[in-house]
């Protein structure tokens, strides 16, 4: 199982190692998010652009974890994943809402168990339903620790909103790296539990 402490330490360390890239990428994402809004044609265009940037942002951090060296321009190159990501961005909250209406507790459980669906879509370029099934599989047995992890990240980023949100330039990269680290750890754990079959002799 993963360690919350180690994931946060990893997030902090990787943020320092990639400070310039993380800072500029986060600044762009926050700026685009601030501009997005409204139902006007321009507002919708900015919203679409914001989603593309958010996809590219997550992909950038995944690539850093995998030992690659992405550039700031890569923030805008993941547009092919747009529709899949949009699908999971709609389906995920709808499922959680339905669970919340069922006496709240199912909503909390589903929110945690499906929490990695968006990152799975970005990482593997698969559909919303399949990504949610995968998230459910890799989070098996880790509900309480994941609940604590997401609560800690929420508090961390709320604290980052102080001083006109400037702290978010630090808390968001740390949180993203920590999330990626836990996601990859859960994937490795699941892979190790899948039995390998030896080839049959004929």
C-alpha atoms as a PDB file:
ATOM      1  CA  UNK A   1       0.000   0.000   0.000  1.00  0.00           C
ATOM      2  CA  UNK A   2       1.046   3.596  -0.488  1.00  0.00           C
ATOM      3  CA  UNK A   3       2.303   6.077   2.097  1.00  0.00           C
ATOM      4  CA  UNK A   4       0.652   9.498   2.366  1.00  0.00           C
ATOM      5  CA  UNK A   5       3.771  10.939   3.979  1.00  0.00           C
ATOM      6  CA  UNK A   6       6.044   9.607   1.249  1.00  0.00           C
ATOM      7  CA  UNK A   7       3.737  10.855  -1.502  1.00  0.00           C
ATOM      8  CA  UNK A   8       3.782  14.381  -0.071  1.00  0.00           C
ATOM      9  CA  UNK A   9       7.567  14.253   0.325  1.00  0.00           C
ATOM     10  CA  UNK A  10       7.821  13.112  -3.283  1.00  0.00           C
ATOM     11  CA  UNK A  11       5.514  15.913  -4.384  1.00  0.00           C
ATOM     12  CA  UNK A  12       7.582  18.521  -2.594  1.00  0.00           C
ATOM     13  CA  UNK A  13      10.897  17.154  -3.878  1.00  0.00           C
ATOM     14  CA  UNK A  14       9.755  16.903  -7.504  1.00  0.00           C
ATOM     15  CA  UNK A  15       8.232  20.373  -7.350  1.00  0.00           C
ATOM     16  CA  UNK A  16      11.595  21.777  -6.250  1.00  0.00           C
ATOM     17  CA  UNK A  17      13.475  19.839  -8.935  1.00  0.00           C
ATOM     18  CA  UNK A  18      11.113  21.108 -11.639  1.00  0.00           C
ATOM     19  CA  UNK A  19      10.333  24.475 -10.065  1.00  0.00           C
ATOM     20  CA  UNK A  20      10.423  26.658 -13.169  1.00  0.00           C
ATOM     21  CA  UNK A  21       8.332  24.328 -15.333  1.00  0.00           C
ATOM     22  CA  UNK A  22       5.836  23.602 -12.552  1.00  0.00           C
ATOM     23  CA  UNK A  23       5.499  27.284 -11.685  1.00  0.00           C
ATOM     24  CA  UNK A  24       4.851  28.483 -15.237  1.00  0.00           C
ATOM     25  CA  UNK A  25       2.532  25.571 -16.070  1.00  0.00           C
ATOM     26  CA  UNK A  26       0.493  26.143 -12.901  1.00  0.00           C
ATOM     27  CA  UNK A  27       0.341  29.868 -13.560  1.00  0.00           C
ATOM     28  CA  UNK A  28      -0.992  29.263 -17.085  1.00  0.00           C
ATOM     29  CA  UNK A  29      -3.568  26.766 -15.857  1.00  0.00           C
ATOM     30  CA  UNK A  30      -4.813  29.107 -13.127  1.00  0.00           C
ATOM     31  CA  UNK A  31      -4.913  32.071 -15.505  1.00  0.00           C
ATOM     32  CA  UNK A  32      -6.931  30.171 -18.113  1.00  0.00           C
ATOM     33  CA  UNK A  33      -9.240  28.873 -15.389  1.00  0.00           C
ATOM     34  CA  UNK A  34      -9.797  32.409 -14.131  1.00  0.00           C
ATOM     35  CA  UNK A  35     -10.701  33.590 -17.648  1.00  0.00           C
ATOM     36  CA  UNK A  36     -13.087  30.701 -18.297  1.00  0.00           C
ATOM     37  CA  UNK A  37     -16.750  31.170 -17.478  1.00  0.00           C
ATOM     38  CA  UNK A  38     -20.010  32.230 -18.964  1.00  0.00           C
ATOM     39  CA  UNK A  39     -21.992  30.830 -21.861  1.00  0.00           C
ATOM     40  CA  UNK A  40     -20.791  33.275 -24.483  1.00  0.00           C
ATOM     41  CA  UNK A  41     -18.915  31.893 -27.523  1.00  0.00           C
ATOM     42  CA  UNK A  42     -15.647  33.315 -26.187  1.00  0.00           C
ATOM     43  CA  UNK A  43     -16.329  31.846 -22.742  1.00  0.00           C
ATOM     44  CA  UNK A  44     -16.948  28.400 -24.226  1.00  0.00           C
ATOM     45  CA  UNK A  45     -13.774  28.593 -26.304  1.00  0.00           C
ATOM     46  CA  UNK A  46     -11.760  29.476 -23.201  1.00  0.00           C
ATOM     47  CA  UNK A  47     -13.437  26.639 -21.303  1.00  0.00           C
ATOM     48  CA  UNK A  48     -12.429  24.155 -23.980  1.00  0.00           C
ATOM     49  CA  UNK A  49      -8.899  25.549 -23.915  1.00  0.00           C
ATOM     50  CA  UNK A  50      -8.861  25.247 -20.110  1.00  0.00           C
ATOM     51  CA  UNK A  51      -9.752  21.547 -20.303  1.00  0.00           C
ATOM     52  CA  UNK A  52      -6.977  20.942 -22.850  1.00  0.00           C
ATOM     53  CA  UNK A  53      -4.504  22.745 -20.598  1.00  0.00           C
ATOM     54  CA  UNK A  54      -5.632  20.735 -17.576  1.00  0.00           C
ATOM     55  CA  UNK A  55      -5.146  17.485 -19.510  1.00  0.00           C
ATOM     56  CA  UNK A  56      -1.694  18.608 -20.660  1.00  0.00           C
ATOM     57  CA  UNK A  57      -0.818  19.662 -17.107  1.00  0.00           C
ATOM     58  CA  UNK A  58      -1.545  16.227 -15.672  1.00  0.00           C
ATOM     59  CA  UNK A  59       0.195  14.472 -18.561  1.00  0.00           C
ATOM     60  CA  UNK A  60       3.260  16.618 -17.983  1.00  0.00           C
ATOM     61  CA  UNK A  61       3.514  15.484 -14.366  1.00  0.00           C
ATOM     62  CA  UNK A  62       2.990  11.855 -15.355  1.00  0.00           C
ATOM     63  CA  UNK A  63       5.861  12.144 -17.828  1.00  0.00           C
ATOM     64  CA  UNK A  64       8.137  13.662 -15.202  1.00  0.00           C
ATOM     65  CA  UNK A  65       7.339  10.745 -12.904  1.00  0.00           C
ATOM     66  CA  UNK A  66       8.273   8.382 -15.733  1.00  0.00           C
ATOM     67  CA  UNK A  67      11.658  10.065 -16.079  1.00  0.00           C
ATOM     68  CA  UNK A  68      10.903  12.161 -19.151  1.00  0.00           C
ATOM     69  CA  UNK A  69      11.631  15.865 -19.595  1.00  0.00           C
ATOM     70  CA  UNK A  70       8.537  17.626 -20.932  1.00  0.00           C
ATOM     71  CA  UNK A  71       8.568  21.250 -22.057  1.00  0.00           C
ATOM     72  CA  UNK A  72       6.089  24.018 -21.317  1.00  0.00           C
ATOM     73  CA  UNK A  73       4.705  23.812 -24.857  1.00  0.00           C
ATOM     74  CA  UNK A  74       3.566  20.238 -24.172  1.00  0.00           C
ATOM     75  CA  UNK A  75       0.844  21.758 -22.027  1.00  0.00           C
ATOM     76  CA  UNK A  76      -1.210  22.320 -25.178  1.00  0.00           C
ATOM     77  CA  UNK A  77      -0.582  19.069 -27.065  1.00  0.00           C
ATOM     78  CA  UNK A  78      -3.027  16.670 -25.426  1.00  0.00           C
ATOM     79  CA  UNK A  79      -6.127  17.895 -27.264  1.00  0.00           C
ATOM     80  CA  UNK A  80      -6.825  14.425 -28.700  1.00  0.00           C
ATOM     81  CA  UNK A  81      -7.879  13.285 -25.217  1.00  0.00           C
ATOM     82  CA  UNK A  82     -10.411  16.106 -24.913  1.00  0.00           C
ATOM     83  CA  UNK A  83     -13.623  14.145 -25.504  1.00  0.00           C
ATOM     84  CA  UNK A  84     -12.636  11.237 -23.272  1.00  0.00           C
ATOM     85  CA  UNK A  85     -11.671  13.608 -20.492  1.00  0.00           C
ATOM     86  CA  UNK A  86     -14.861  15.609 -20.934  1.00  0.00           C
ATOM     87  CA  UNK A  87     -16.832  12.368 -20.720  1.00  0.00           C
ATOM     88  CA  UNK A  88     -15.267  11.293 -17.434  1.00  0.00           C
ATOM     89  CA  UNK A  89     -15.576  14.870 -16.095  1.00  0.00           C
ATOM     90  CA  UNK A  90     -19.345  14.598 -16.599  1.00  0.00           C
ATOM     91  CA  UNK A  91     -19.837  10.936 -15.672  1.00  0.00           C
ATOM     92  CA  UNK A  92     -17.752  10.982 -12.484  1.00  0.00           C
ATOM     93  CA  UNK A  93     -19.656  13.763 -10.677  1.00  0.00           C
ATOM     94  CA  UNK A  94     -22.998  12.360 -11.867  1.00  0.00           C
ATOM     95  CA  UNK A  95     -22.203   8.990 -10.308  1.00  0.00           C
ATOM     96  CA  UNK A  96     -21.056  10.645  -7.086  1.00  0.00           C
ATOM     97  CA  UNK A  97     -24.206  12.782  -7.027  1.00  0.00           C
ATOM     98  CA  UNK A  98     -26.392   9.692  -7.407  1.00  0.00           C
ATOM     99  CA  UNK A  99     -24.479   8.041  -4.579  1.00  0.00           C
ATOM    100  CA  UNK A 100     -24.885  11.123  -2.403  1.00  0.00           C
ATOM    101  CA  UNK A 101     -28.634  11.037  -2.921  1.00  0.00           C
ATOM    102  CA  UNK A 102     -28.534   7.455  -1.605  1.00  0.00           C
ATOM    103  CA  UNK A 103     -27.995   8.510   2.036  1.00  0.00           C
ATOM    104  CA  UNK A 104     -24.647  10.284   1.318  1.00  0.00           C
ATOM    105  CA  UNK A 105     -22.321   7.402   2.290  1.00  0.00           C
ATOM    106  CA  UNK A 106     -22.359   5.703  -1.149  1.00  0.00           C
ATOM    107  CA  UNK A 107     -21.467   9.065  -2.689  1.00  0.00           C
ATOM    108  CA  UNK A 108     -18.378   9.367  -0.485  1.00  0.00           C
ATOM    109  CA  UNK A 109     -17.329   5.807  -1.251  1.00  0.00           C
ATOM    110  CA  UNK A 110     -17.786   6.246  -4.994  1.00  0.00           C
ATOM    111  CA  UNK A 111     -15.985   9.607  -4.960  1.00  0.00           C
ATOM    112  CA  UNK A 112     -12.909   7.947  -3.473  1.00  0.00           C
ATOM    113  CA  UNK A 113     -13.023   4.733  -5.472  1.00  0.00           C
ATOM    114  CA  UNK A 114     -13.473   6.571  -8.802  1.00  0.00           C
ATOM    115  CA  UNK A 115     -11.107   9.430  -7.918  1.00  0.00           C
ATOM    116  CA  UNK A 116      -8.333   8.288 -10.271  1.00  0.00           C
ATOM    117  CA  UNK A 117     -10.601   7.940 -13.319  1.00  0.00           C
ATOM    118  CA  UNK A 118      -9.622  11.343 -14.811  1.00  0.00           C
ATOM    119  CA  UNK A 119      -5.904  10.642 -14.508  1.00  0.00           C
ATOM    120  CA  UNK A 120      -6.394   7.154 -15.978  1.00  0.00           C
ATOM    121  CA  UNK A 121      -8.105   8.661 -19.035  1.00  0.00           C
ATOM    122  CA  UNK A 122      -5.140  10.988 -19.523  1.00  0.00           C
ATOM    123  CA  UNK A 123      -2.527   8.326 -18.879  1.00  0.00           C
ATOM    124  CA  UNK A 124      -4.002   5.563 -21.022  1.00  0.00           C
ATOM    125  CA  UNK A 125      -6.344   7.416 -23.415  1.00  0.00           C
ATOM    126  CA  UNK A 126      -9.235   5.078 -22.652  1.00  0.00           C
ATOM    127  CA  UNK A 127     -12.939   5.824 -22.358  1.00  0.00           C
ATOM    128  CA  UNK A 128     -14.743   7.192 -19.278  1.00  0.00           C
ATOM    129  CA  UNK A 129     -16.475   3.947 -18.263  1.00  0.00           C
ATOM    130  CA  UNK A 130     -13.351   1.829 -18.623  1.00  0.00           C
ATOM    131  CA  UNK A 131     -11.287   4.374 -16.683  1.00  0.00           C
ATOM    132  CA  UNK A 132     -13.796   4.335 -13.831  1.00  0.00           C
ATOM    133  CA  UNK A 133     -13.689   0.538 -13.720  1.00  0.00           C
ATOM    134  CA  UNK A 134      -9.896   0.710 -13.584  1.00  0.00           C
ATOM    135  CA  UNK A 135      -9.995   3.287 -10.792  1.00  0.00           C
ATOM    136  CA  UNK A 136     -12.358   1.055  -8.843  1.00  0.00           C
ATOM    137  CA  UNK A 137      -9.960  -1.866  -9.280  1.00  0.00           C
ATOM    138  CA  UNK A 138      -6.756  -0.128  -8.222  1.00  0.00           C
ATOM    139  CA  UNK A 139      -8.312   1.531  -5.149  1.00  0.00           C
ATOM    140  CA  UNK A 140      -9.626  -1.732  -3.720  1.00  0.00           C
ATOM    141  CA  UNK A 141      -8.648  -2.028  -0.065  1.00  0.00           C
ATOM    142  CA  UNK A 142      -7.357   1.538   0.189  1.00  0.00           C
ATOM    143  CA  UNK A 143     -10.527   3.529   0.865  1.00  0.00           C
ATOM    144  CA  UNK A 144      -9.656   4.959   4.296  1.00  0.00           C
ATOM    145  CA  UNK A 145      -6.107   5.955   3.410  1.00  0.00           C
ATOM    146  CA  UNK A 146      -7.267   7.532   0.166  1.00  0.00           C
ATOM    147  CA  UNK A 147      -9.997   9.408   2.005  1.00  0.00           C
ATOM    148  CA  UNK A 148      -7.389  10.805   4.383  1.00  0.00           C
ATOM    149  CA  UNK A 149      -5.087  11.650   1.480  1.00  0.00           C
ATOM    150  CA  UNK A 150      -7.732  13.652  -0.404  1.00  0.00           C
ATOM    151  CA  UNK A 151      -8.773  15.451   2.802  1.00  0.00           C
ATOM    152  CA  UNK A 152      -5.153  16.436   3.451  1.00  0.00           C
ATOM    153  CA  UNK A 153      -4.773  17.703  -0.125  1.00  0.00           C
ATOM    154  CA  UNK A 154      -8.000  19.691   0.184  1.00  0.00           C
ATOM    155  CA  UNK A 155      -6.792  21.375   3.379  1.00  0.00           C
ATOM    156  CA  UNK A 156      -3.367  21.932   1.812  1.00  0.00           C
ATOM    157  CA  UNK A 157      -4.820  23.701  -1.225  1.00  0.00           C
ATOM    158  CA  UNK A 158      -7.290  25.712   0.845  1.00  0.00           C
ATOM    159  CA  UNK A 159      -4.285  26.979   2.750  1.00  0.00           C
ATOM    160  CA  UNK A 160      -2.664  27.739  -0.609  1.00  0.00           C
ATOM    161  CA  UNK A 161      -5.543  30.079  -1.459  1.00  0.00           C
ATOM    162  CA  UNK A 162      -4.362  32.550   1.156  1.00  0.00           C
ATOM    163  CA  UNK A 163      -2.552  35.688   0.017  1.00  0.00           C
ATOM    164  CA  UNK A 164      -4.773  36.060  -3.060  1.00  0.00           C
ATOM    165  CA  UNK A 165      -4.204  32.458  -4.125  1.00  0.00           C
ATOM    166  CA  UNK A 166      -0.452  32.844  -4.619  1.00  0.00           C
ATOM    167  CA  UNK A 167       0.152  29.782  -2.467  1.00  0.00           C
ATOM    168  CA  UNK A 168      -1.614  27.658  -5.073  1.00  0.00           C
ATOM    169  CA  UNK A 169       1.453  28.027  -7.279  1.00  0.00           C
ATOM    170  CA  UNK A 170       3.147  25.762  -4.739  1.00  0.00           C
ATOM    171  CA  UNK A 171       0.334  23.594  -3.417  1.00  0.00           C
ATOM    172  CA  UNK A 172      -1.098  22.538  -6.792  1.00  0.00           C
ATOM    173  CA  UNK A 173       2.191  21.126  -8.208  1.00  0.00           C
ATOM    174  CA  UNK A 174       2.949  19.356  -4.913  1.00  0.00           C
ATOM    175  CA  UNK A 175      -0.572  17.909  -4.842  1.00  0.00           C
ATOM    176  CA  UNK A 176      -0.378  16.796  -8.469  1.00  0.00           C
ATOM    177  CA  UNK A 177       2.970  15.074  -8.032  1.00  0.00           C
ATOM    178  CA  UNK A 178       1.703  13.382  -4.852  1.00  0.00           C
ATOM    179  CA  UNK A 179      -1.433  12.164  -6.662  1.00  0.00           C
ATOM    180  CA  UNK A 180       0.624  10.828  -9.565  1.00  0.00           C
ATOM    181  CA  UNK A 181       2.942   9.013  -7.167  1.00  0.00           C
ATOM    182  CA  UNK A 182       0.045   7.293  -5.405  1.00  0.00           C
ATOM    183  CA  UNK A 183      -1.640   6.474  -8.711  1.00  0.00           C
ATOM    184  CA  UNK A 184       1.480   4.815 -10.080  1.00  0.00           C
ATOM    185  CA  UNK A 185       1.995   2.942  -6.779  1.00  0.00           C
ATOM    186  CA  UNK A 186      -1.557   1.580  -6.899  1.00  0.00           C
ATOM    187  CA  UNK A 187      -1.045   0.504 -10.513  1.00  0.00           C
ATOM    188  CA  UNK A 188       2.131  -1.371  -9.615  1.00  0.00           C
ATOM    189  CA  UNK A 189       0.405  -3.060  -6.702  1.00  0.00           C
ATOM    190  CA  UNK A 190      -2.461  -4.224  -8.890  1.00  0.00           C
ATOM    191  CA  UNK A 191      -0.056  -5.488 -11.562  1.00  0.00           C
ATOM    192  CA  UNK A 192       1.806  -7.536  -8.949  1.00  0.00           C
ATOM    193  CA  UNK A 193      -1.454  -9.178  -7.841  1.00  0.00           C
ATOM    194  CA  UNK A 194      -2.416 -10.313 -11.334  1.00  0.00           C
ATOM    195  CA  UNK A 195      -1.209 -13.914 -11.763  1.00  0.00           C
ATOM    196  CA  UNK A 196       0.952 -14.603 -14.758  1.00  0.00           C
ATOM    197  CA  UNK A 197       0.188 -17.690 -16.795  1.00  0.00           C
ATOM    198  CA  UNK A 198       2.982 -19.722 -18.261  1.00  0.00           C
ATOM    199  CA  UNK A 199       2.675 -20.647 -21.921  1.00  0.00           C
ATOM    200  CA  UNK A 200       1.080 -24.024 -22.539  1.00  0.00           C
ATOM    201  CA  UNK A 201       3.027 -26.706 -24.254  1.00  0.00           C
ATOM    202  CA  UNK A 202       1.424 -28.519 -27.138  1.00  0.00           C
END
